[in-house]
Amino acid sequence: MMSPLISVAALQKHISDPKIHILDATALLPGQNFNPREAFTGNHIPGSAYFDIDLFSDPESTQPHTAPGAAHFEQHFGALGISHADTVVFYDQGNVASSCRGWWLCRLFGHDNVYVLDGGLPAWVNHDLPTEQGISPAKAAAVYHSKTHYSRIKGLGDMLDCVLDGSNPVLDARSADRFYGRVPEPRAGVASGHMPGAVNLPYQNVLNADKTFLSTEKLCDIFSQAGVSASGAPAITTCGSGMTASVLSVALAHAGLPQGALYDGSWAEWGARTDTPITKDK
């Protein structure tokens, strides 16, 4: 597949194309404390709309912002005026994971013409490009038809099987301190540690200091050291709640490796149960 990333220069060149929908998917990660929608209203790329990840989550799930059903996604995606033939570009206000989560959700529901703005809003601003305030006029709603790719998502049962047979590399995007259980988890009632056989690959490791993605060559080296190759079994990405795992999913795609799947329940689900094996060993 083509790279999932689009540069600031490329987006600026096509920003007036009515078939391109630019979406700010900013959402909070653990430890962050601000209002994403207010941040969007205060400063965003001209013509962009706000993509509320909580809205695009399963309203009946007890886990944080897990993927919704297809009908739910279709309703709210179509309400943004997006059709299957359109191009979608996600960005966020700087944490990278939010835009990558939007990209992964689109790919899950079969919208493959989707990109992540490399470097997000900070890169746009650093290139001295204009921003705007307020709310852009809403686009006319469209009828959206999805096609769910179930191979791109894993559930608890899939992961229990994977841990037992070691069929796929499991990449955990959390920090080393969380992975090895050296610090408590940010969510109450969730144990510390990691899945047996998982490999720790903090999501920051696939990014430059300015939060753009590393080159394909560097990413291939990093993934090779983590046991992932083009000829091997596709990787499964995981994290605390399915957000930063999507950064690894984007990095895999940018490196030209199989996209694999994302464990949507991630550690918020695994670590809260009593029937899942947990280790703190290296």
C-alpha atoms as a PDB file:
ATOM      1  CA  MET A   1       0.000   0.000   0.000  1.00  0.00           C
ATOM      2  CA  MET A   2       1.004   3.620  -0.413  1.00  0.00           C
ATOM      3  CA  SER A   3       2.355   5.511   2.560  1.00  0.00           C
ATOM      4  CA  PRO A   4      -0.380   6.543   5.007  1.00  0.00           C
ATOM      5  CA  LEU A   5       1.383   9.882   5.522  1.00  0.00           C
ATOM      6  CA  ILE A   6       0.841  13.165   3.714  1.00  0.00           C
ATOM      7  CA  SER A   7       3.219  16.093   4.055  1.00  0.00           C
ATOM      8  CA  VAL A   8       2.237  19.627   4.979  1.00  0.00           C
ATOM      9  CA  ALA A   9       3.324  20.796   1.517  1.00  0.00           C
ATOM     10  CA  ALA A  10       1.177  18.217  -0.255  1.00  0.00           C
ATOM     11  CA  LEU A  11      -1.895  19.009   1.842  1.00  0.00           C
ATOM     12  CA  GLN A  12      -1.459  22.752   1.356  1.00  0.00           C
ATOM     13  CA  LYS A  13      -1.317  22.213  -2.405  1.00  0.00           C
ATOM     14  CA  HIS A  14      -4.671  20.380  -2.458  1.00  0.00           C
ATOM     15  CA  ILE A  15      -6.444  22.050   0.457  1.00  0.00           C
ATOM     16  CA  SER A  16      -9.148  23.601  -1.744  1.00  0.00           C
ATOM     17  CA  ASP A  17     -10.128  20.285  -3.369  1.00  0.00           C
ATOM     18  CA  PRO A  18     -13.782  19.656  -2.391  1.00  0.00           C
ATOM     19  CA  LYS A  19     -13.186  15.894  -2.455  1.00  0.00           C
ATOM     20  CA  ILE A  20     -10.619  16.146   0.355  1.00  0.00           C
ATOM     21  CA  HIS A  21     -11.968  16.177   3.905  1.00  0.00           C
ATOM     22  CA  ILE A  22      -9.559  17.377   6.597  1.00  0.00           C
ATOM     23  CA  LEU A  23     -10.404  16.188  10.102  1.00  0.00           C
ATOM     24  CA  ASP A  24      -8.925  17.185  13.461  1.00  0.00           C
ATOM     25  CA  ALA A  25      -9.150  14.016  15.556  1.00  0.00           C
ATOM     26  CA  THR A  26      -7.553  15.411  18.720  1.00  0.00           C
ATOM     27  CA  ALA A  27      -8.422  13.353  21.813  1.00  0.00           C
ATOM     28  CA  LEU A  28      -6.901  13.109  25.260  1.00  0.00           C
ATOM     29  CA  LEU A  29      -4.198  10.639  26.221  1.00  0.00           C
ATOM     30  CA  PRO A  30      -3.588   9.689  29.872  1.00  0.00           C
ATOM     31  CA  GLY A  31      -2.095  12.652  31.693  1.00  0.00           C
ATOM     32  CA  GLN A  32      -3.455  15.257  29.280  1.00  0.00           C
ATOM     33  CA  ASN A  33      -5.980  17.751  30.580  1.00  0.00           C
ATOM     34  CA  PHE A  34      -7.604  20.103  28.093  1.00  0.00           C
ATOM     35  CA  ASN A  35     -10.754  20.305  25.982  1.00  0.00           C
ATOM     36  CA  PRO A  36      -9.997  18.964  22.482  1.00  0.00           C
ATOM     37  CA  ARG A  37     -13.072  20.516  20.897  1.00  0.00           C
ATOM     38  CA  GLU A  38     -12.236  23.920  22.386  1.00  0.00           C
ATOM     39  CA  ALA A  39      -8.668  23.545  21.129  1.00  0.00           C
ATOM     40  CA  PHE A  40     -10.049  22.885  17.648  1.00  0.00           C
ATOM     41  CA  THR A  41     -12.352  25.888  17.817  1.00  0.00           C
ATOM     42  CA  GLY A  42      -9.457  28.060  18.922  1.00  0.00           C
ATOM     43  CA  ASN A  43      -7.068  27.012  16.159  1.00  0.00           C
ATOM     44  CA  HIS A  44      -7.358  24.623  13.231  1.00  0.00           C
ATOM     45  CA  ILE A  45      -6.418  24.082   9.616  1.00  0.00           C
ATOM     46  CA  PRO A  46      -8.752  26.088   7.355  1.00  0.00           C
ATOM     47  CA  GLY A  47     -11.807  24.138   6.248  1.00  0.00           C
ATOM     48  CA  SER A  48     -11.242  21.255   8.638  1.00  0.00           C
ATOM     49  CA  ALA A  49     -13.934  19.646  10.775  1.00  0.00           C
ATOM     50  CA  TYR A  50     -13.678  18.092  14.221  1.00  0.00           C
ATOM     51  CA  PHE A  51     -13.645  14.287  14.388  1.00  0.00           C
ATOM     52  CA  ASP A  52     -14.812  13.314  17.871  1.00  0.00           C
ATOM     53  CA  ILE A  53     -13.214   9.961  18.663  1.00  0.00           C
ATOM     54  CA  ASP A  54     -15.622   9.452  21.558  1.00  0.00           C
ATOM     55  CA  LEU A  55     -18.518   9.857  19.109  1.00  0.00           C
ATOM     56  CA  PHE A  56     -16.876   7.295  16.828  1.00  0.00           C
ATOM     57  CA  SER A  57     -16.702   4.746  19.636  1.00  0.00           C
ATOM     58  CA  ASP A  58     -18.971   1.942  20.795  1.00  0.00           C
ATOM     59  CA  PRO A  59     -21.518   3.635  23.118  1.00  0.00           C
ATOM     60  CA  GLU A  60     -22.254   0.306  24.843  1.00  0.00           C
ATOM     61  CA  SER A  61     -18.668  -0.715  25.574  1.00  0.00           C
ATOM     62  CA  THR A  62     -17.260  -0.568  29.087  1.00  0.00           C
ATOM     63  CA  GLN A  63     -13.786  -0.015  27.606  1.00  0.00           C
ATOM     64  CA  PRO A  64     -12.499   3.437  26.581  1.00  0.00           C
ATOM     65  CA  HIS A  65     -13.307   4.471  22.993  1.00  0.00           C
ATOM     66  CA  THR A  66     -13.443   1.015  21.419  1.00  0.00           C
ATOM     67  CA  ALA A  67     -14.442   0.693  17.778  1.00  0.00           C
ATOM     68  CA  PRO A  68     -18.171   1.039  17.078  1.00  0.00           C
ATOM     69  CA  GLY A  69     -20.333  -1.126  14.865  1.00  0.00           C
ATOM     70  CA  ALA A  70     -20.442  -0.465  11.134  1.00  0.00           C
ATOM     71  CA  ALA A  71     -23.877   1.197  11.192  1.00  0.00           C
ATOM     72  CA  HIS A  72     -22.748   3.614  13.905  1.00  0.00           C
ATOM     73  CA  PHE A  73     -19.626   4.519  11.935  1.00  0.00           C
ATOM     74  CA  GLU A  74     -21.590   4.964   8.701  1.00  0.00           C
ATOM     75  CA  GLN A  75     -24.116   7.282  10.312  1.00  0.00           C
ATOM     76  CA  HIS A  76     -21.599   9.641  11.860  1.00  0.00           C
ATOM     77  CA  PHE A  77     -19.034   9.511   9.049  1.00  0.00           C
ATOM     78  CA  GLY A  78     -21.713  10.279   6.498  1.00  0.00           C
ATOM     79  CA  ALA A  79     -22.914  13.157   8.688  1.00  0.00           C
ATOM     80  CA  LEU A  80     -19.538  14.808   8.065  1.00  0.00           C
ATOM     81  CA  GLY A  81     -20.370  14.865   4.352  1.00  0.00           C
ATOM     82  CA  ILE A  82     -17.930  12.095   3.464  1.00  0.00           C
ATOM     83  CA  SER A  83     -18.580   9.523   0.758  1.00  0.00           C
ATOM     84  CA  HIS A  84     -16.544   6.439  -0.016  1.00  0.00           C
ATOM     85  CA  ALA A  85     -14.967   8.154  -3.036  1.00  0.00           C
ATOM     86  CA  ASP A  86     -13.547  11.029  -0.987  1.00  0.00           C
ATOM     87  CA  THR A  87     -10.044  11.457   0.399  1.00  0.00           C
ATOM     88  CA  VAL A  88      -9.724  11.925   4.168  1.00  0.00           C
ATOM     89  CA  VAL A  89      -6.760  13.532   5.928  1.00  0.00           C
ATOM     90  CA  PHE A  90      -6.498  13.292   9.717  1.00  0.00           C
ATOM     91  CA  TYR A  91      -4.402  15.517  11.925  1.00  0.00           C
ATOM     92  CA  ASP A  92      -4.307  16.419  15.617  1.00  0.00           C
ATOM     93  CA  GLN A  93      -3.060  19.147  17.897  1.00  0.00           C
ATOM     94  CA  GLY A  94       0.184  17.353  18.648  1.00  0.00           C
ATOM     95  CA  ASN A  95      -0.090  13.931  20.333  1.00  0.00           C
ATOM     96  CA  VAL A  96       0.043  11.973  17.018  1.00  0.00           C
ATOM     97  CA  ALA A  97      -2.013   9.076  18.405  1.00  0.00           C
ATOM     98  CA  SER A  98      -5.360  10.779  17.831  1.00  0.00           C
ATOM     99  CA  SER A  99      -4.916  11.221  14.089  1.00  0.00           C
ATOM    100  CA  CYS A 100      -3.508   7.704  13.770  1.00  0.00           C
ATOM    101  CA  ARG A 101      -6.555   6.327  15.586  1.00  0.00           C
ATOM    102  CA  GLY A 102      -8.793   8.108  13.068  1.00  0.00           C
ATOM    103  CA  TRP A 103      -6.763   6.580  10.229  1.00  0.00           C
ATOM    104  CA  TRP A 104      -7.059   3.103  11.720  1.00  0.00           C
ATOM    105  CA  LEU A 105     -10.834   3.430  12.198  1.00  0.00           C
ATOM    106  CA  CYS A 106     -11.263   4.426   8.564  1.00  0.00           C
ATOM    107  CA  ARG A 107      -9.134   1.517   7.412  1.00  0.00           C
ATOM    108  CA  LEU A 108     -11.117  -0.846   9.647  1.00  0.00           C
ATOM    109  CA  PHE A 109     -14.333   0.177   7.910  1.00  0.00           C
ATOM    110  CA  GLY A 110     -12.879  -0.029   4.426  1.00  0.00           C
ATOM    111  CA  HIS A 111     -12.035   3.602   3.675  1.00  0.00           C
ATOM    112  CA  ASP A 112      -8.545   3.128   2.280  1.00  0.00           C
ATOM    113  CA  ASN A 113      -8.135   6.600   0.732  1.00  0.00           C
ATOM    114  CA  VAL A 114      -7.111   8.055   4.080  1.00  0.00           C
ATOM    115  CA  TYR A 115      -3.953   9.773   5.306  1.00  0.00           C
ATOM    116  CA  VAL A 116      -2.310  11.186   8.432  1.00  0.00           C
ATOM    117  CA  LEU A 117      -0.770  14.655   8.257  1.00  0.00           C
ATOM    118  CA  ASP A 118       2.863  14.040   9.174  1.00  0.00           C
ATOM    119  CA  GLY A 119       3.643  16.251  12.169  1.00  0.00           C
ATOM    120  CA  GLY A 120       0.037  17.346  12.678  1.00  0.00           C
ATOM    121  CA  LEU A 121      -1.035  20.909  13.392  1.00  0.00           C
ATOM    122  CA  PRO A 122       2.381  21.836  14.888  1.00  0.00           C
ATOM    123  CA  ALA A 123       4.056  21.047  11.542  1.00  0.00           C
ATOM    124  CA  TRP A 124       1.423  23.103   9.711  1.00  0.00           C
ATOM    125  CA  VAL A 125       2.031  26.066  12.012  1.00  0.00           C
ATOM    126  CA  ASN A 126       5.820  25.653  11.824  1.00  0.00           C
ATOM    127  CA  HIS A 127       5.572  26.040   8.039  1.00  0.00           C
ATOM    128  CA  ASP A 128       3.902  29.437   8.592  1.00  0.00           C
ATOM    129  CA  LEU A 129       0.662  28.260   7.024  1.00  0.00           C
ATOM    130  CA  PRO A 130      -2.628  29.917   7.996  1.00  0.00           C
ATOM    131  CA  THR A 131      -5.036  28.631  10.602  1.00  0.00           C
ATOM    132  CA  GLU A 132      -8.542  29.724  11.452  1.00  0.00           C
ATOM    133  CA  GLN A 133     -10.791  29.950  14.473  1.00  0.00           C
ATOM    134  CA  GLY A 134     -14.425  29.154  15.060  1.00  0.00           C
ATOM    135  CA  ILE A 135     -16.399  26.412  13.346  1.00  0.00           C
ATOM    136  CA  SER A 136     -16.265  25.820   9.602  1.00  0.00           C
ATOM    137  CA  PRO A 137     -19.632  25.591   7.819  1.00  0.00           C
ATOM    138  CA  ALA A 138     -20.973  22.041   7.960  1.00  0.00           C
ATOM    139  CA  LYS A 139     -20.959  20.079   4.736  1.00  0.00           C
ATOM    140  CA  ALA A 140     -24.107  18.420   3.449  1.00  0.00           C
ATOM    141  CA  ALA A 141     -24.531  14.929   4.872  1.00  0.00           C
ATOM    142  CA  ALA A 142     -23.724  11.989   2.609  1.00  0.00           C
ATOM    143  CA  VAL A 143     -24.731   8.354   2.539  1.00  0.00           C
ATOM    144  CA  TYR A 144     -21.730   6.308   3.565  1.00  0.00           C
ATOM    145  CA  HIS A 145     -21.340   2.593   2.920  1.00  0.00           C
ATOM    146  CA  SER A 146     -18.630   0.776   4.858  1.00  0.00           C
ATOM    147  CA  LYS A 147     -16.933  -2.567   4.340  1.00  0.00           C
ATOM    148  CA  THR A 148     -15.486  -3.856   7.601  1.00  0.00           C
ATOM    149  CA  HIS A 149     -12.061  -5.504   7.399  1.00  0.00           C
ATOM    150  CA  TYR A 150     -12.204  -7.811  10.396  1.00  0.00           C
ATOM    151  CA  SER A 151      -8.584  -8.858   9.845  1.00  0.00           C
ATOM    152  CA  ARG A 152      -7.556  -5.389  11.064  1.00  0.00           C
ATOM    153  CA  ILE A 153      -8.958  -5.770  14.575  1.00  0.00           C
ATOM    154  CA  LYS A 154      -8.370  -8.320  17.328  1.00  0.00           C
ATOM    155  CA  GLY A 155     -10.501  -9.124  20.360  1.00  0.00           C
ATOM    156  CA  LEU A 156      -9.730 -10.740  23.695  1.00  0.00           C
ATOM    157  CA  GLY A 157     -10.203 -14.291  22.428  1.00  0.00           C
ATOM    158  CA  ASP A 158      -7.874 -13.679  19.504  1.00  0.00           C
ATOM    159  CA  MET A 159      -5.201 -12.381  21.853  1.00  0.00           C
ATOM    160  CA  LEU A 160      -5.517 -15.302  24.273  1.00  0.00           C
ATOM    161  CA  ASP A 161      -4.956 -17.642  21.333  1.00  0.00           C
ATOM    162  CA  CYS A 162      -2.031 -15.542  20.140  1.00  0.00           C
ATOM    163  CA  VAL A 163      -0.340 -15.623  23.547  1.00  0.00           C
ATOM    164  CA  LEU A 164      -0.762 -19.403  23.699  1.00  0.00           C
ATOM    165  CA  ASP A 165       0.612 -20.194  20.242  1.00  0.00           C
ATOM    166  CA  GLY A 166       2.866 -17.177  19.573  1.00  0.00           C
ATOM    167  CA  SER A 167       1.434 -16.951  16.076  1.00  0.00           C
ATOM    168  CA  ASN A 168       1.984 -13.205  15.597  1.00  0.00           C
ATOM    169  CA  PRO A 169       4.425 -10.650  16.988  1.00  0.00           C
ATOM    170  CA  VAL A 170       2.666  -8.454  19.574  1.00  0.00           C
ATOM    171  CA  LEU A 171       3.983  -4.892  19.810  1.00  0.00           C
ATOM    172  CA  ASP A 172       3.052  -2.947  22.943  1.00  0.00           C
ATOM    173  CA  ALA A 173       3.257   0.837  22.449  1.00  0.00           C
ATOM    174  CA  ARG A 174       3.196   1.753  26.149  1.00  0.00           C
ATOM    175  CA  SER A 175       6.233   3.112  27.974  1.00  0.00           C
ATOM    176  CA  ALA A 176       8.824   0.656  29.278  1.00  0.00           C
ATOM    177  CA  ASP A 177       7.887   1.555  32.860  1.00  0.00           C
ATOM    178  CA  ARG A 178       4.274   0.562  32.258  1.00  0.00           C
ATOM    179  CA  PHE A 179       5.187  -2.485  30.170  1.00  0.00           C
ATOM    180  CA  TYR A 180       7.485  -3.901  32.851  1.00  0.00           C
ATOM    181  CA  GLY A 181       5.144  -2.924  35.672  1.00  0.00           C
ATOM    182  CA  ARG A 182       7.516  -0.439  37.281  1.00  0.00           C
ATOM    183  CA  VAL A 183       4.754   2.152  37.637  1.00  0.00           C
ATOM    184  CA  PRO A 184       1.019   1.737  38.293  1.00  0.00           C
ATOM    185  CA  GLU A 185      -1.391   1.891  35.402  1.00  0.00           C
ATOM    186  CA  PRO A 186      -3.262   5.208  34.995  1.00  0.00           C
ATOM    187  CA  ARG A 187      -6.647   3.460  35.070  1.00  0.00           C
ATOM    188  CA  ALA A 188      -8.017   2.180  38.372  1.00  0.00           C
ATOM    189  CA  GLY A 189      -8.401  -1.579  38.711  1.00  0.00           C
ATOM    190  CA  VAL A 190      -5.913  -2.385  35.952  1.00  0.00           C
ATOM    191  CA  ALA A 191      -2.909  -4.565  36.821  1.00  0.00           C
ATOM    192  CA  SER A 192       0.656  -3.652  35.860  1.00  0.00           C
ATOM    193  CA  GLY A 193       2.778  -5.636  33.418  1.00  0.00           C
ATOM    194  CA  HIS A 194       2.326  -7.035  29.924  1.00  0.00           C
ATOM    195  CA  MET A 195       1.178 -10.025  27.897  1.00  0.00           C
ATOM    196  CA  PRO A 196       3.636 -12.929  27.830  1.00  0.00           C
ATOM    197  CA  GLY A 197       5.610 -12.829  24.595  1.00  0.00           C
ATOM    198  CA  ALA A 198       4.809  -9.203  23.800  1.00  0.00           C
ATOM    199  CA  VAL A 199       7.599  -6.848  22.717  1.00  0.00           C
ATOM    200  CA  ASN A 200       7.828  -3.334  24.113  1.00  0.00           C
ATOM    201  CA  LEU A 201       8.010  -0.672  21.391  1.00  0.00           C
ATOM    202  CA  PRO A 202       7.024   2.701  22.875  1.00  0.00           C
ATOM    203  CA  TYR A 203       5.243   4.695  20.194  1.00  0.00           C
ATOM    204  CA  GLN A 204       7.640   7.626  20.604  1.00  0.00           C
ATOM    205  CA  ASN A 205      10.400   5.366  19.238  1.00  0.00           C
ATOM    206  CA  VAL A 206       8.954   5.540  15.717  1.00  0.00           C
ATOM    207  CA  LEU A 207       8.855   9.355  15.750  1.00  0.00           C
ATOM    208  CA  ASN A 208      11.382  12.125  15.322  1.00  0.00           C
ATOM    209  CA  ALA A 209      11.754  14.835  17.956  1.00  0.00           C
ATOM    210  CA  ASP A 210       9.261  17.012  16.039  1.00  0.00           C
ATOM    211  CA  LYS A 211       6.757  14.128  16.094  1.00  0.00           C
ATOM    212  CA  THR A 212       7.015  13.397  12.404  1.00  0.00           C
ATOM    213  CA  PHE A 213       7.559   9.732  11.533  1.00  0.00           C
ATOM    214  CA  LEU A 214      11.006   8.257  11.079  1.00  0.00           C
ATOM    215  CA  SER A 215      12.177   7.302   7.599  1.00  0.00           C
ATOM    216  CA  THR A 216      11.072   3.996   6.148  1.00  0.00           C
ATOM    217  CA  GLU A 217      14.620   2.664   6.460  1.00  0.00           C
ATOM    218  CA  LYS A 218      14.838   3.463  10.176  1.00  0.00           C
ATOM    219  CA  LEU A 219      11.368   2.045  10.789  1.00  0.00           C
ATOM    220  CA  CYS A 220      12.234  -1.202   9.034  1.00  0.00           C
ATOM    221  CA  ASP A 221      15.302  -1.540  11.266  1.00  0.00           C
ATOM    222  CA  ILE A 222      13.254  -0.900  14.412  1.00  0.00           C
ATOM    223  CA  PHE A 223      10.561  -3.384  13.435  1.00  0.00           C
ATOM    224  CA  SER A 224      13.143  -5.974  12.416  1.00  0.00           C
ATOM    225  CA  GLN A 225      14.681  -5.750  15.895  1.00  0.00           C
ATOM    226  CA  ALA A 226      11.176  -6.276  17.309  1.00  0.00           C
ATOM    227  CA  GLY A 227      10.751  -9.459  15.265  1.00  0.00           C
ATOM    228  CA  VAL A 228       8.594  -8.062  12.455  1.00  0.00           C
ATOM    229  CA  SER A 229       9.449  -8.588   8.790  1.00  0.00           C
ATOM    230  CA  ALA A 230       7.725  -8.426   5.424  1.00  0.00           C
ATOM    231  CA  SER A 231       7.898 -12.212   5.076  1.00  0.00           C
ATOM    232  CA  GLY A 232       6.815 -13.061   8.604  1.00  0.00           C
ATOM    233  CA  ALA A 233       3.445 -13.102  10.341  1.00  0.00           C
ATOM    234  CA  PRO A 234       1.791  -9.665  10.548  1.00  0.00           C
ATOM    235  CA  ALA A 235       2.205  -7.827  13.822  1.00  0.00           C
ATOM    236  CA  ILE A 236      -0.563  -7.058  16.293  1.00  0.00           C
ATOM    237  CA  THR A 237      -0.315  -3.659  17.963  1.00  0.00           C
ATOM    238  CA  THR A 238      -1.574  -2.907  21.451  1.00  0.00           C
ATOM    239  CA  CYS A 239      -1.219  -0.200  24.113  1.00  0.00           C
ATOM    240  CA  GLY A 240      -3.294   1.141  26.994  1.00  0.00           C
ATOM    241  CA  SER A 241      -6.593   1.678  25.206  1.00  0.00           C
ATOM    242  CA  GLY A 242      -6.019   1.325  21.459  1.00  0.00           C
ATOM    243  CA  MET A 243      -4.809   4.889  20.830  1.00  0.00           C
ATOM    244  CA  THR A 244      -1.003   4.844  20.721  1.00  0.00           C
ATOM    245  CA  ALA A 245      -1.097   1.336  19.239  1.00  0.00           C
ATOM    246  CA  SER A 246      -2.426   2.990  16.098  1.00  0.00           C
ATOM    247  CA  VAL A 247       0.818   4.999  15.846  1.00  0.00           C
ATOM    248  CA  LEU A 248       2.646   1.691  15.448  1.00  0.00           C
ATOM    249  CA  SER A 249       0.038   0.591  12.889  1.00  0.00           C
ATOM    250  CA  VAL A 250       0.692   3.720  10.823  1.00  0.00           C
ATOM    251  CA  ALA A 251       4.445   3.214  11.180  1.00  0.00           C
ATOM    252  CA  LEU A 252       4.130  -0.384   9.959  1.00  0.00           C
ATOM    253  CA  ALA A 253       2.223   0.792   6.894  1.00  0.00           C
ATOM    254  CA  HIS A 254       4.703   3.608   6.237  1.00  0.00           C
ATOM    255  CA  ALA A 255       7.548   1.097   6.431  1.00  0.00           C
ATOM    256  CA  GLY A 256       5.848  -1.015   3.772  1.00  0.00           C
ATOM    257  CA  LEU A 257       5.180  -3.869   6.176  1.00  0.00           C
ATOM    258  CA  PRO A 258       1.857  -5.702   6.507  1.00  0.00           C
ATOM    259  CA  GLN A 259      -0.584  -3.559   8.478  1.00  0.00           C
ATOM    260  CA  GLY A 260      -1.647  -6.486  10.623  1.00  0.00           C
ATOM    261  CA  ALA A 261      -4.233  -5.823  13.315  1.00  0.00           C
ATOM    262  CA  LEU A 262      -4.822  -3.731  16.418  1.00  0.00           C
ATOM    263  CA  TYR A 263      -6.004  -5.215  19.716  1.00  0.00           C
ATOM    264  CA  ASP A 264      -8.792  -2.773  20.430  1.00  0.00           C
ATOM    265  CA  GLY A 265      -9.391  -3.606  24.092  1.00  0.00           C
ATOM    266  CA  SER A 266      -5.650  -3.335  24.736  1.00  0.00           C
ATOM    267  CA  TRP A 267      -4.327  -3.226  28.306  1.00  0.00           C
ATOM    268  CA  ALA A 268      -7.450  -1.510  29.666  1.00  0.00           C
ATOM    269  CA  GLU A 269      -9.245  -4.796  28.971  1.00  0.00           C
ATOM    270  CA  TRP A 270      -6.447  -7.338  29.449  1.00  0.00           C
ATOM    271  CA  GLY A 271      -5.118  -5.864  32.690  1.00  0.00           C
ATOM    272  CA  ALA A 272      -8.558  -5.563  34.275  1.00  0.00           C
ATOM    273  CA  ARG A 273      -9.340  -9.287  34.067  1.00  0.00           C
ATOM    274  CA  THR A 274      -8.432 -12.166  36.357  1.00  0.00           C
ATOM    275  CA  ASP A 275      -8.261 -14.828  33.622  1.00  0.00           C
ATOM    276  CA  THR A 276      -5.520 -13.265  31.463  1.00  0.00           C
ATOM    277  CA  PRO A 277      -1.835 -14.136  31.938  1.00  0.00           C
ATOM    278  CA  ILE A 278       0.338 -11.196  32.974  1.00  0.00           C
ATOM    279  CA  THR A 279       4.093 -10.957  33.387  1.00  0.00           C
ATOM    280  CA  LYS A 280       6.622  -8.274  34.285  1.00  0.00           C
ATOM    281  CA  ASP A 281       9.585 -10.234  32.922  1.00  0.00           C
ATOM    282  CA  LYS A 282      11.785  -9.105  30.070  1.00  0.00           C
END
